[in-house]
Amino acid sequence: MSDRHIWDRPAVLATALIVVVYVLYQLLRPSKLPKIPIVGAKPGEFFPLLRARWRNFMDPKAATETAYNQYSDRACILPIAGALTFVHLPHNELQWLIDRPDSDVDVRAQIVESLQLNRTLMDPDLAHKPAHISVISGRLTREIGNLVPDLMDEIQYGIDALWGMDGEKHKTICLFDTMTRTIGQATNRVFVGLPLCRDSALLAAAMAFSLDVPTASTLLHMVWQPLRPFLAPFITLPNRIHTNRFFRLVRPEIRRRLKDFDARRTDSSIKDVENVPHDFLQWSLDQAMSSDDPYYGKVDTLAGRVLLNNFTSIHTSSFAITHALLDLVSSKQEYIDELRDEITSVLAEHGGQWNKGALSAMPKLDSVMRESARLNSFVVTATNRKVVNPKGITTPSGTELPPGTMVCGPSFPVFHDPVIYPDPYTFKPFRFAENRTALEEKGESLVQRARQGLITTSPDFVAFGHGRHACVGRFFAANLLKLILAYTILNYDLEIQEKRPENVWFGTNRMPPMKATISVKRRVEI
């Protein structure tokens, strides 16, 4: 054993120096936050913000409920380790926040900082030049009706393989694993088409990346900011590995399509337009070729767009459908039977064909997804924004928010407020379908009744955000989720469980139990 004094060791000295510098930094740095209450802080303690951050990380549910209930008429600071520190506005100011112009508050800047996209993406320009958003809100949304048959074909292919065709005995499956795989195949059927959407290596890389980004960003938020540039290459190593794997698999297809595009453009005799792929990758390629910026037409830019869409779709949709199925199998058999009756009768009215019209005629199916989204909200805050106005902004209650401040409204406690949602902690699958019926009986318009639908946002339903920056992919996601739920209910018997497995809290995120299993059996007579 060495006789050297412990302080002679360079590693120990370096660590001690970092700790001292960090403490001085916390003590001396000027705070940009307004002088308002800090949720989780105790009176008179040192480093109240830092200590509150870790307390709230241990119990984010209690923290967000305190922000909602105790400060119902004024703003407060909501710090949670692994996430940004937000100024949390009262519920009655959420619409005011939504109505602020982009010159005051910026949603994209908040997302970039929250997910640390400058470090978690191998090409940060994908976030700073988000051309894919217009493809999703435009072409993809318009084509949803035409995409339903392909989606159902891929869902059937995936579920049958993963859940099995045995109609004699039940099979135990890991729900989240099978849903992630199904979501991955179905979304990539629309993103890159056959046969790539069934490539197991491509799906594995995409699914891994969809977890890499939030995991890496959470870890980075726990690192002192001056140290992030040094530790980020190690923390984001999985991101780079899975990005490179995905790119290697999709590059040949992109190069082939670019070659075909050039051939059609240079040779007017080529009229084989019918064989041009009908998917997100092709629409992105068409968009890139009409742009003056060569960046958009690069192979890796196009590959990056597809991977980024995999992240945004797989990550959230897999959680949503897992939650919904766990809610159903932990409730009553009568609910599943009633849901199955609706699906069967509507399909019969549409000649047994799955299409957008059939899905729109299934209010109970829609209600199950909306109720599950309400009960199992993914995040505890909503409508997160970054103040970008150089002069700052002032809230209606008088709180001054300087530039750079992260601001949000409540989510989880709104969804569980008994005044807004009676019996809020109970899964009532047809809550919103019954609301529609009640509105119809009162003679309310179709527009009013449609506000009970899954894709409709409001200050009281922010599962997809709210306002002009609400999730642009929610129309596609809603149809995909309802198709998966309908197919499983129609074609499989689900064994009822006595108790629903508990959800998992991780920072500001709420996730389903990823290892939870359910018992399923193929229905022989449908």
Protein backbone atom coordinates (compact mmCIF):
# COMPACT_ATOMS: atom_id res chain seq x y z
CA MET A 1 0.00 0.00 0.00
CA SER A 2 1.32 3.45 -0.84
CA ASP A 3 2.60 5.69 1.98
CA ARG A 4 1.72 8.86 0.05
CA HIS A 5 -0.69 11.22 1.74
CA ILE A 6 -4.18 11.05 0.23
CA TRP A 7 -3.97 14.71 -0.88
CA ASP A 8 -0.88 13.94 -2.95
CA ARG A 9 -3.04 11.98 -5.36
CA PRO A 10 -3.93 14.06 -8.45
CA ALA A 11 -7.37 12.47 -8.88
CA VAL A 12 -8.39 13.34 -5.31
CA LEU A 13 -7.11 16.89 -5.64
CA ALA A 14 -8.95 17.35 -8.93
CA THR A 15 -12.20 16.04 -7.43
CA ALA A 16 -11.85 18.28 -4.37
CA LEU A 17 -11.16 21.29 -6.59
CA ILE A 18 -14.26 20.61 -8.67
CA VAL A 19 -16.40 20.33 -5.53
CA VAL A 20 -15.03 23.60 -4.14
CA VAL A 21 -15.55 25.43 -7.44
CA TYR A 22 -19.08 24.02 -7.70
CA VAL A 23 -19.99 25.18 -4.17
CA LEU A 24 -18.59 28.66 -4.84
CA TYR A 25 -20.44 28.75 -8.14
CA GLN A 26 -23.74 27.92 -6.45
CA LEU A 27 -23.12 30.52 -3.74
CA LEU A 28 -21.92 33.40 -5.88
CA ARG A 29 -23.67 33.08 -9.23
CA PRO A 30 -26.48 35.58 -9.81
CA SER A 31 -29.84 33.88 -10.17
CA LYS A 32 -31.99 34.69 -13.19
CA LEU A 33 -35.06 33.21 -11.53
CA PRO A 34 -37.74 35.51 -10.11
CA LYS A 35 -38.09 35.85 -6.34
CA ILE A 36 -41.03 33.49 -5.90
CA PRO A 37 -41.57 30.36 -3.75
CA ILE A 38 -39.53 27.23 -4.54
CA VAL A 39 -41.49 23.98 -4.37
CA GLY A 40 -39.65 21.53 -2.13
CA ALA A 41 -37.42 24.09 -0.37
CA LYS A 42 -37.36 24.52 3.39
CA PRO A 43 -37.15 27.92 5.13
CA GLY A 44 -33.66 29.14 5.91
CA GLU A 45 -31.70 26.22 4.41
CA PHE A 46 -28.53 26.58 2.34
CA PHE A 47 -28.76 25.84 -1.40
CA PRO A 48 -32.58 25.74 -1.36
CA LEU A 49 -32.89 25.31 -5.13
CA LEU A 50 -30.36 22.49 -5.29
CA ARG A 51 -31.84 20.61 -2.35
CA ALA A 52 -35.41 21.10 -3.58
CA ARG A 53 -34.36 19.71 -6.94
CA TRP A 54 -33.37 16.37 -5.40
CA ARG A 55 -36.34 16.22 -3.03
CA ASN A 56 -38.70 16.72 -5.95
CA PHE A 57 -36.86 14.09 -7.98
CA MET A 58 -37.66 11.57 -5.26
CA ASP A 59 -41.36 12.49 -5.33
CA PRO A 60 -42.31 14.41 -8.48
CA LYS A 61 -45.99 13.62 -7.98
CA ALA A 62 -46.10 15.45 -4.66
CA ALA A 63 -44.03 18.33 -6.07
CA THR A 64 -46.32 19.00 -8.99
CA GLU A 65 -49.44 18.65 -6.81
CA THR A 66 -47.99 21.21 -4.40
CA ALA A 67 -47.30 23.59 -7.28
CA TYR A 68 -50.87 23.14 -8.51
CA ASN A 69 -52.77 23.26 -5.20
CA GLN A 70 -50.69 25.42 -2.87
CA TYR A 71 -49.87 28.01 -5.55
CA SER A 72 -53.14 27.94 -7.44
CA ASP A 73 -53.20 31.71 -7.91
CA ARG A 74 -49.53 32.55 -8.46
CA ALA A 75 -46.35 31.27 -10.03
CA CYS A 76 -43.73 29.19 -8.24
CA ILE A 77 -40.40 27.58 -9.08
CA LEU A 78 -40.54 23.83 -9.79
CA PRO A 79 -37.03 22.29 -9.81
CA ILE A 80 -36.63 18.55 -10.47
CA ALA A 81 -33.25 16.85 -10.84
CA GLY A 82 -32.71 15.46 -14.33
CA ALA A 83 -34.86 18.16 -15.89
CA LEU A 84 -34.92 21.90 -16.38
CA THR A 85 -35.91 24.27 -13.59
CA PHE A 86 -39.30 25.72 -14.50
CA VAL A 87 -41.36 28.65 -13.39
CA HIS A 88 -44.69 26.89 -12.92
CA LEU A 89 -47.73 29.02 -13.75
CA PRO A 90 -51.16 28.50 -12.19
CA HIS A 91 -53.73 26.67 -14.30
CA ASN A 92 -55.71 29.83 -15.02
CA GLU A 93 -52.67 31.33 -16.79
CA LEU A 94 -52.01 28.36 -19.09
CA GLN A 95 -54.09 29.78 -21.95
CA TRP A 96 -52.27 33.09 -21.56
CA LEU A 97 -48.97 31.23 -22.01
CA ILE A 98 -50.32 29.42 -25.08
CA ASP A 99 -51.38 32.71 -26.63
CA ARG A 100 -47.92 34.32 -26.30
CA PRO A 101 -46.25 34.93 -29.69
CA ASP A 102 -43.12 32.99 -30.61
CA SER A 103 -41.15 36.20 -30.19
CA ASP A 104 -41.99 36.02 -26.46
CA VAL A 105 -41.74 32.30 -25.71
CA ASP A 106 -40.25 29.58 -27.91
CA VAL A 107 -41.29 25.94 -27.72
CA ARG A 108 -38.47 24.67 -29.96
CA ALA A 109 -35.75 26.32 -27.87
CA GLN A 110 -37.20 24.65 -24.80
CA ILE A 111 -37.27 21.22 -26.46
CA VAL A 112 -33.67 21.57 -27.65
CA GLU A 113 -32.53 22.44 -24.14
CA SER A 114 -34.76 19.93 -22.36
CA LEU A 115 -33.62 16.99 -24.50
CA GLN A 116 -30.10 18.40 -24.83
CA LEU A 117 -30.42 17.91 -28.59
CA ASN A 118 -27.18 19.75 -29.32
CA ARG A 119 -25.47 16.80 -27.65
CA THR A 120 -27.90 13.87 -27.86
CA LEU A 121 -28.35 14.19 -31.64
CA MET A 122 -25.35 13.46 -33.79
CA ASP A 123 -26.54 16.19 -36.16
CA PRO A 124 -28.13 19.03 -34.11
CA ASP A 125 -29.16 20.79 -37.32
CA LEU A 126 -31.99 18.26 -37.54
CA ALA A 127 -33.54 20.08 -34.58
CA HIS A 128 -32.58 23.58 -35.69
CA LYS A 129 -33.81 23.05 -39.26
CA PRO A 130 -36.97 21.01 -38.59
CA ALA A 131 -38.21 20.67 -42.16
CA HIS A 132 -39.76 17.31 -41.23
CA ILE A 133 -42.45 19.08 -39.20
CA SER A 134 -44.08 20.49 -42.33
CA VAL A 135 -44.02 17.03 -43.92
CA ILE A 136 -45.81 15.57 -40.89
CA SER A 137 -48.37 18.36 -40.50
CA GLY A 138 -48.95 18.51 -44.25
CA ARG A 139 -48.47 15.46 -46.42
CA LEU A 140 -48.52 12.77 -43.72
CA THR A 141 -51.66 14.12 -42.06
CA ARG A 142 -53.47 14.44 -45.41
CA GLU A 143 -52.57 10.86 -46.33
CA ILE A 144 -53.77 9.21 -43.11
CA GLY A 145 -56.91 7.86 -44.76
CA ASN A 146 -54.87 6.23 -47.51
CA LEU A 147 -52.38 4.81 -44.99
CA VAL A 148 -54.90 2.96 -42.80
CA PRO A 149 -54.87 -0.29 -44.84
CA ASP A 150 -51.06 -0.44 -44.79
CA LEU A 151 -50.98 0.29 -41.08
CA MET A 152 -53.49 -2.45 -40.31
CA ASP A 153 -51.60 -4.88 -42.53
CA GLU A 154 -48.42 -4.22 -40.56
CA ILE A 155 -50.20 -4.36 -37.22
CA GLN A 156 -51.72 -7.73 -38.12
CA TYR A 157 -48.33 -9.04 -39.26
CA GLY A 158 -46.63 -7.89 -36.07
CA ILE A 159 -49.24 -8.83 -33.48
CA ASP A 160 -49.90 -12.27 -34.97
CA ALA A 161 -46.20 -13.05 -34.87
CA LEU A 162 -45.61 -11.70 -31.38
CA TRP A 163 -48.82 -12.79 -29.63
CA GLY A 164 -49.20 -16.06 -31.48
CA MET A 165 -52.12 -17.83 -33.15
CA ASP A 166 -52.85 -20.45 -30.50
CA GLY A 167 -56.59 -20.50 -29.80
CA GLU A 168 -56.38 -23.29 -27.22
CA LYS A 169 -54.32 -21.90 -24.37
CA HIS A 170 -53.19 -18.54 -23.06
CA LYS A 171 -49.72 -17.14 -23.70
CA THR A 172 -47.87 -14.81 -21.34
CA ILE A 173 -46.27 -11.86 -23.11
CA CYS A 174 -44.25 -8.82 -22.04
CA LEU A 175 -46.68 -6.12 -23.12
CA PHE A 176 -44.29 -3.20 -23.57
CA ASP A 177 -41.77 -5.24 -25.59
CA THR A 178 -44.43 -6.46 -28.03
CA MET A 179 -46.02 -3.02 -28.33
CA THR A 180 -42.68 -1.32 -28.98
CA ARG A 181 -41.92 -3.80 -31.75
CA THR A 182 -45.40 -3.39 -33.26
CA ILE A 183 -45.24 0.40 -33.11
CA GLY A 184 -41.77 0.30 -34.66
CA GLN A 185 -42.87 -1.86 -37.57
CA ALA A 186 -46.10 0.02 -38.23
CA THR A 187 -44.59 3.51 -38.09
CA ASN A 188 -41.66 2.49 -40.27
CA ARG A 189 -44.10 1.02 -42.78
CA VAL A 190 -45.16 4.66 -43.20
CA PHE A 191 -41.66 6.09 -42.80
CA VAL A 192 -39.59 3.84 -45.09
CA GLY A 193 -42.02 1.19 -46.41
CA LEU A 194 -41.52 -2.51 -47.06
CA PRO A 195 -39.26 -4.44 -46.63
CA LEU A 196 -37.12 -2.13 -44.45
CA CYS A 197 -39.88 -1.70 -41.86
CA ARG A 198 -39.50 -5.40 -40.96
CA ASP A 199 -35.71 -5.37 -40.76
CA SER A 200 -35.03 -6.50 -37.19
CA ALA A 201 -31.65 -4.74 -37.01
CA LEU A 202 -33.13 -1.43 -38.20
CA LEU A 203 -35.99 -1.71 -35.71
CA ALA A 204 -33.62 -2.58 -32.88
CA ALA A 205 -31.47 0.48 -33.62
CA ALA A 206 -34.52 2.74 -33.88
CA MET A 207 -36.10 1.43 -30.67
CA ALA A 208 -32.81 1.73 -28.78
CA PHE A 209 -32.31 5.29 -30.01
CA SER A 210 -35.84 6.20 -28.89
CA LEU A 211 -34.73 5.45 -25.32
CA ASP A 212 -31.18 6.81 -25.74
CA VAL A 213 -32.23 10.45 -26.13
CA PRO A 214 -34.37 10.85 -22.98
CA THR A 215 -31.96 8.75 -20.92
CA ALA A 216 -28.89 10.71 -22.02
CA SER A 217 -30.63 14.07 -21.62
CA THR A 218 -31.73 13.20 -18.08
CA LEU A 219 -28.19 12.20 -17.14
CA LEU A 220 -26.76 15.35 -18.71
CA HIS A 221 -29.14 17.52 -16.69
CA MET A 222 -27.72 15.91 -13.56
CA VAL A 223 -24.22 16.99 -14.56
CA TRP A 224 -22.96 20.47 -13.69
CA GLN A 225 -23.22 22.49 -16.90
CA PRO A 226 -19.50 23.38 -17.26
CA LEU A 227 -18.68 19.66 -17.16
CA ARG A 228 -21.23 18.58 -19.77
CA PRO A 229 -18.97 19.11 -22.82
CA PHE A 230 -16.43 16.74 -21.27
CA LEU A 231 -18.85 14.04 -20.09
CA ALA A 232 -21.34 14.21 -22.96
CA PRO A 233 -19.23 12.09 -25.36
CA PHE A 234 -19.33 9.24 -22.84
CA ILE A 235 -22.98 9.66 -21.82
CA THR A 236 -24.16 9.83 -25.45
CA LEU A 237 -22.03 6.92 -26.69
CA PRO A 238 -25.14 4.68 -27.11
CA ASN A 239 -26.76 7.45 -29.16
CA ARG A 240 -23.87 7.43 -31.62
CA ILE A 241 -23.73 3.65 -31.82
CA HIS A 242 -27.44 3.27 -32.59
CA THR A 243 -27.45 6.25 -34.98
CA ASN A 244 -24.60 4.73 -36.99
CA ARG A 245 -26.31 1.33 -37.10
CA PHE A 246 -29.57 2.84 -38.29
CA PHE A 247 -27.82 4.96 -40.93
CA ARG A 248 -25.89 2.00 -42.35
CA LEU A 249 -29.15 0.15 -42.92
CA VAL A 250 -31.17 2.99 -44.44
CA ARG A 251 -28.48 4.68 -46.58
CA PRO A 252 -28.67 2.19 -49.50
CA GLU A 253 -32.41 2.78 -49.83
CA ILE A 254 -31.96 6.56 -49.76
CA ARG A 255 -29.23 6.43 -52.39
CA ARG A 256 -31.41 4.23 -54.58
CA ARG A 257 -34.30 6.69 -54.34
CA LEU A 258 -32.06 9.66 -55.05
CA LYS A 259 -30.79 7.87 -58.15
CA ASP A 260 -34.37 7.13 -59.27
CA PHE A 261 -35.35 10.74 -58.65
CA ASP A 262 -32.48 12.01 -60.81
CA ALA A 263 -33.40 9.53 -63.54
CA ARG A 264 -37.02 10.72 -63.65
CA ARG A 265 -35.92 14.35 -63.64
CA THR A 266 -33.36 14.01 -66.45
CA ASP A 267 -35.20 11.52 -68.66
CA SER A 268 -38.71 12.65 -69.60
CA SER A 269 -39.45 9.22 -71.12
CA ILE A 270 -39.55 7.65 -67.64
CA LYS A 271 -43.20 7.74 -66.61
CA ASP A 272 -43.17 5.02 -63.95
CA VAL A 273 -44.64 7.29 -61.31
CA GLU A 274 -46.89 4.53 -59.91
CA ASN A 275 -43.87 2.72 -58.46
CA VAL A 276 -42.62 5.78 -56.61
CA PRO A 277 -42.79 4.96 -52.88
CA HIS A 278 -45.61 6.53 -50.90
CA ASP A 279 -44.01 7.20 -47.52
CA PHE A 280 -42.38 9.80 -45.28
CA LEU A 281 -38.89 9.22 -46.69
CA GLN A 282 -40.07 9.88 -50.24
CA TRP A 283 -42.00 12.98 -49.20
CA SER A 284 -38.91 14.26 -47.39
CA LEU A 285 -36.81 13.57 -50.46
CA ASP A 286 -39.27 15.45 -52.68
CA GLN A 287 -39.18 18.37 -50.24
CA ALA A 288 -35.38 18.35 -50.18
CA MET A 289 -35.10 18.36 -53.97
CA SER A 290 -37.27 21.49 -54.16
CA SER A 291 -35.10 23.32 -51.61
CA ASP A 292 -32.19 25.61 -52.43
CA ASP A 293 -30.29 24.36 -49.39
CA PRO A 294 -28.15 21.30 -50.28
CA TYR A 295 -28.18 20.22 -46.63
CA TYR A 296 -31.72 18.88 -46.94
CA GLY A 297 -30.81 16.55 -49.79
CA LYS A 298 -27.85 14.88 -48.08
CA VAL A 299 -28.19 11.15 -47.49
CA ASP A 300 -27.48 11.43 -43.79
CA THR A 301 -29.85 14.36 -43.38
CA LEU A 302 -32.68 12.28 -44.83
CA ALA A 303 -31.66 9.30 -42.70
CA GLY A 304 -31.55 11.56 -39.65
CA ARG A 305 -35.08 12.81 -40.32
CA VAL A 306 -36.38 9.24 -40.35
CA LEU A 307 -34.51 8.37 -37.14
CA LEU A 308 -35.72 11.51 -35.38
CA ASN A 309 -39.30 10.62 -36.29
CA ASN A 310 -38.74 7.14 -34.90
CA PHE A 311 -37.73 8.73 -31.62
CA THR A 312 -40.79 10.97 -31.37
CA SER A 313 -43.25 8.23 -32.39
CA ILE A 314 -41.95 5.02 -30.82
CA HIS A 315 -41.08 6.60 -27.49
CA THR A 316 -44.52 8.03 -26.73
CA SER A 317 -46.85 5.73 -28.69
CA SER A 318 -45.47 2.56 -27.10
CA PHE A 319 -46.13 4.03 -23.67
CA ALA A 320 -49.67 5.08 -24.63
CA ILE A 321 -50.82 1.71 -26.01
CA THR A 322 -49.16 -0.19 -23.14
CA HIS A 323 -51.02 2.00 -20.64
CA ALA A 324 -54.35 1.50 -22.43
CA LEU A 325 -54.10 -2.30 -22.56
CA LEU A 326 -52.96 -2.51 -18.93
CA ASP A 327 -55.90 -0.32 -17.93
CA LEU A 328 -58.34 -2.58 -19.77
CA VAL A 329 -57.03 -5.91 -18.49
CA SER A 330 -57.05 -4.49 -14.95
CA SER A 331 -60.68 -3.33 -15.15
CA LYS A 332 -63.77 -5.35 -16.08
CA GLN A 333 -64.48 -7.93 -18.76
CA GLU A 334 -67.71 -6.07 -19.55
CA TYR A 335 -65.69 -3.11 -20.80
CA ILE A 336 -63.76 -5.28 -23.23
CA ASP A 337 -66.98 -6.97 -24.41
CA GLU A 338 -68.69 -3.61 -24.95
CA LEU A 339 -65.69 -2.30 -26.84
CA ARG A 340 -65.56 -5.44 -28.98
CA ASP A 341 -69.25 -5.08 -29.82
CA GLU A 342 -68.68 -1.53 -31.08
CA ILE A 343 -65.73 -2.58 -33.23
CA THR A 344 -67.61 -5.54 -34.71
CA SER A 345 -70.76 -3.59 -35.55
CA VAL A 346 -68.93 -0.61 -37.08
CA LEU A 347 -66.71 -2.88 -39.18
CA ALA A 348 -69.82 -4.66 -40.47
CA GLU A 349 -71.28 -1.29 -41.50
CA HIS A 350 -68.09 -0.60 -43.47
CA GLY A 351 -68.02 -3.90 -45.29
CA GLY A 352 -65.39 -5.36 -42.98
CA GLN A 353 -62.83 -2.82 -44.24
CA TRP A 354 -60.56 -0.84 -41.98
CA ASN A 355 -60.57 2.80 -43.03
CA LYS A 356 -60.56 6.27 -41.56
CA GLY A 357 -64.36 6.44 -41.61
CA ALA A 358 -64.68 3.26 -39.58
CA LEU A 359 -62.27 4.52 -36.94
CA SER A 360 -64.14 7.82 -36.70
CA ALA A 361 -67.36 5.89 -35.99
CA MET A 362 -65.92 4.20 -32.86
CA PRO A 363 -66.38 6.74 -30.02
CA LYS A 364 -65.85 4.12 -27.29
CA LEU A 365 -62.54 3.06 -28.80
CA ASP A 366 -61.49 6.71 -28.96
CA SER A 367 -62.66 7.25 -25.39
CA VAL A 368 -60.54 4.39 -24.04
CA MET A 369 -57.39 5.95 -25.49
CA ARG A 370 -58.25 9.45 -24.26
CA GLU A 371 -59.14 8.22 -20.75
CA SER A 372 -55.93 6.20 -20.52
CA ALA A 373 -53.91 9.20 -21.71
CA ARG A 374 -55.58 11.32 -19.03
CA LEU A 375 -54.98 8.82 -16.25
CA ASN A 376 -51.37 8.04 -17.24
CA SER A 377 -50.08 11.41 -18.44
CA PHE A 378 -46.47 11.03 -19.58
CA VAL A 379 -45.19 14.34 -18.18
CA VAL A 380 -46.05 16.27 -15.02
CA THR A 381 -45.88 19.68 -16.72
CA ALA A 382 -47.39 20.99 -19.94
CA THR A 383 -46.89 23.61 -22.65
CA ASN A 384 -43.23 24.08 -21.71
CA ARG A 385 -41.67 27.21 -23.21
CA LYS A 386 -38.47 29.26 -23.03
CA VAL A 387 -38.69 33.02 -22.65
CA VAL A 388 -36.85 34.55 -25.63
CA ASN A 389 -38.07 38.14 -25.50
CA PRO A 390 -34.92 40.21 -24.73
CA LYS A 391 -36.97 42.33 -22.34
CA GLY A 392 -38.59 39.35 -20.67
CA ILE A 393 -42.33 38.97 -20.11
CA THR A 394 -44.71 39.53 -17.19
CA THR A 395 -47.47 37.09 -16.28
CA PRO A 396 -51.04 38.22 -15.58
CA SER A 397 -50.42 37.74 -11.84
CA GLY A 398 -47.38 40.03 -12.01
CA THR A 399 -44.41 37.64 -12.06
CA GLU A 400 -41.56 38.99 -14.17
CA LEU A 401 -39.85 36.31 -16.26
CA PRO A 402 -36.43 37.36 -17.62
CA PRO A 403 -35.09 36.02 -20.94
CA GLY A 404 -33.88 32.45 -20.70
CA THR A 405 -36.48 31.45 -18.11
CA MET A 406 -38.16 28.09 -18.64
CA VAL A 407 -41.89 28.34 -18.01
CA CYS A 408 -44.66 25.73 -17.91
CA GLY A 409 -48.21 24.99 -16.88
CA PRO A 410 -49.60 22.02 -14.92
CA SER A 411 -50.44 18.64 -16.46
CA PHE A 412 -50.60 15.70 -14.04
CA PRO A 413 -52.61 17.48 -11.31
CA VAL A 414 -55.09 18.86 -13.86
CA PHE A 415 -55.79 15.35 -15.13
CA HIS A 416 -56.39 14.26 -11.54
CA ASP A 417 -58.46 17.23 -10.37
CA PRO A 418 -61.88 15.95 -9.16
CA VAL A 419 -63.50 19.26 -10.09
CA ILE A 420 -62.49 18.78 -13.73
CA TYR A 421 -62.64 14.98 -13.89
CA PRO A 422 -64.95 13.40 -11.28
CA ASP A 423 -63.45 10.33 -9.61
CA PRO A 424 -60.14 11.16 -11.31
CA TYR A 425 -58.07 8.17 -10.18
CA THR A 426 -60.58 5.63 -11.53
CA PHE A 427 -60.24 4.30 -15.06
CA LYS A 428 -63.58 4.97 -16.72
CA PRO A 429 -63.00 3.79 -20.30
CA PHE A 430 -66.15 5.34 -21.75
CA ARG A 431 -65.99 8.61 -19.82
CA PHE A 432 -65.60 10.74 -22.95
CA ALA A 433 -67.98 8.68 -25.10
CA GLU A 434 -70.64 9.24 -22.43
CA ASN A 435 -69.82 12.95 -22.43
CA ARG A 436 -70.41 13.00 -26.20
CA THR A 437 -73.78 11.30 -25.76
CA ALA A 438 -74.79 13.76 -23.04
CA LEU A 439 -73.84 16.70 -25.26
CA GLU A 440 -75.80 15.23 -28.17
CA GLU A 441 -78.87 14.83 -25.97
CA LYS A 442 -78.56 18.50 -25.04
CA GLY A 443 -78.54 19.41 -28.72
CA GLU A 444 -74.91 20.54 -28.78
CA SER A 445 -73.19 20.85 -32.15
CA LEU A 446 -70.90 18.27 -33.72
CA VAL A 447 -67.99 20.61 -33.04
CA GLN A 448 -68.79 20.64 -29.32
CA ARG A 449 -69.08 16.85 -29.23
CA ALA A 450 -65.80 16.45 -31.13
CA ARG A 451 -64.00 18.23 -28.30
CA GLN A 452 -64.30 14.99 -26.33
CA GLY A 453 -62.10 13.24 -28.91
CA LEU A 454 -58.58 11.95 -28.40
CA ILE A 455 -56.86 14.46 -30.68
CA THR A 456 -58.63 17.55 -29.32
CA THR A 457 -56.56 19.62 -26.90
CA SER A 458 -57.60 22.17 -24.28
CA PRO A 459 -56.18 23.66 -21.05
CA ASP A 460 -57.79 20.68 -19.31
CA PHE A 461 -56.42 18.06 -21.73
CA VAL A 462 -52.78 18.60 -22.62
CA ALA A 463 -51.66 15.05 -23.41
CA PHE A 464 -50.63 16.34 -26.86
CA GLY A 465 -49.84 19.85 -25.70
CA HIS A 466 -52.22 22.65 -26.62
CA GLY A 467 -52.53 25.54 -29.03
CA ARG A 468 -50.75 26.14 -32.31
CA HIS A 469 -47.72 24.16 -31.12
CA ALA A 470 -49.65 21.05 -30.10
CA CYS A 471 -48.13 17.80 -31.35
CA VAL A 472 -48.37 17.84 -35.15
CA GLY A 473 -48.17 14.05 -35.31
CA ARG A 474 -51.14 13.42 -33.03
CA PHE A 475 -53.54 12.72 -35.92
CA PHE A 476 -51.32 9.94 -37.23
CA ALA A 477 -50.53 8.64 -33.73
CA ALA A 478 -54.20 8.56 -32.70
CA ASN A 479 -55.20 6.48 -35.70
CA LEU A 480 -52.28 4.11 -35.24
CA LEU A 481 -53.03 3.58 -31.55
CA LYS A 482 -56.72 2.97 -32.13
CA LEU A 483 -55.97 0.47 -34.90
CA ILE A 484 -53.65 -1.50 -32.61
CA LEU A 485 -56.14 -1.47 -29.74
CA ALA A 486 -59.02 -2.47 -32.01
CA TYR A 487 -57.08 -5.33 -33.61
CA THR A 488 -55.99 -6.81 -30.28
CA ILE A 489 -59.46 -6.54 -28.73
CA LEU A 490 -61.13 -8.07 -31.78
CA ASN A 491 -58.70 -10.93 -32.29
CA TYR A 492 -57.51 -11.88 -28.80
CA ASP A 493 -58.99 -12.77 -25.45
CA LEU A 494 -57.24 -10.84 -22.69
CA GLU A 495 -57.16 -12.37 -19.24
CA ILE A 496 -58.36 -9.96 -16.57
CA GLN A 497 -55.85 -9.14 -13.81
CA GLU A 498 -56.73 -8.42 -10.19
CA LYS A 499 -54.49 -5.37 -9.94
CA ARG A 500 -52.85 -3.03 -12.41
CA PRO A 501 -49.04 -2.92 -12.18
CA GLU A 502 -47.81 0.44 -10.91
CA ASN A 503 -46.43 3.06 -13.26
CA VAL A 504 -42.82 4.18 -12.91
CA TRP A 505 -41.75 7.76 -12.17
CA PHE A 506 -38.45 8.98 -13.58
CA GLY A 507 -37.84 12.68 -13.09
CA THR A 508 -40.64 14.55 -14.82
CA ASN A 509 -41.69 11.50 -16.81
CA ARG A 510 -44.22 8.82 -15.97
CA MET A 511 -43.81 5.48 -17.71
CA PRO A 512 -45.67 2.17 -17.75
CA PRO A 513 -44.12 -0.86 -16.02
CA MET A 514 -41.93 -2.06 -18.88
CA LYS A 515 -41.65 -5.64 -17.64
CA ALA A 516 -45.36 -6.13 -16.93
CA THR A 517 -46.92 -9.18 -18.55
CA ILE A 518 -50.43 -10.06 -19.64
CA SER A 519 -52.02 -13.33 -20.69
CA VAL A 520 -53.54 -13.53 -24.20
CA LYS A 521 -55.20 -16.17 -26.36
CA ARG A 522 -56.20 -16.03 -30.02
CA ARG A 523 -59.95 -15.87 -30.54
CA VAL A 524 -61.06 -18.74 -32.72
CA GLU A 525 -64.54 -17.44 -33.54
CA ILE A 526 -64.68 -13.78 -34.45
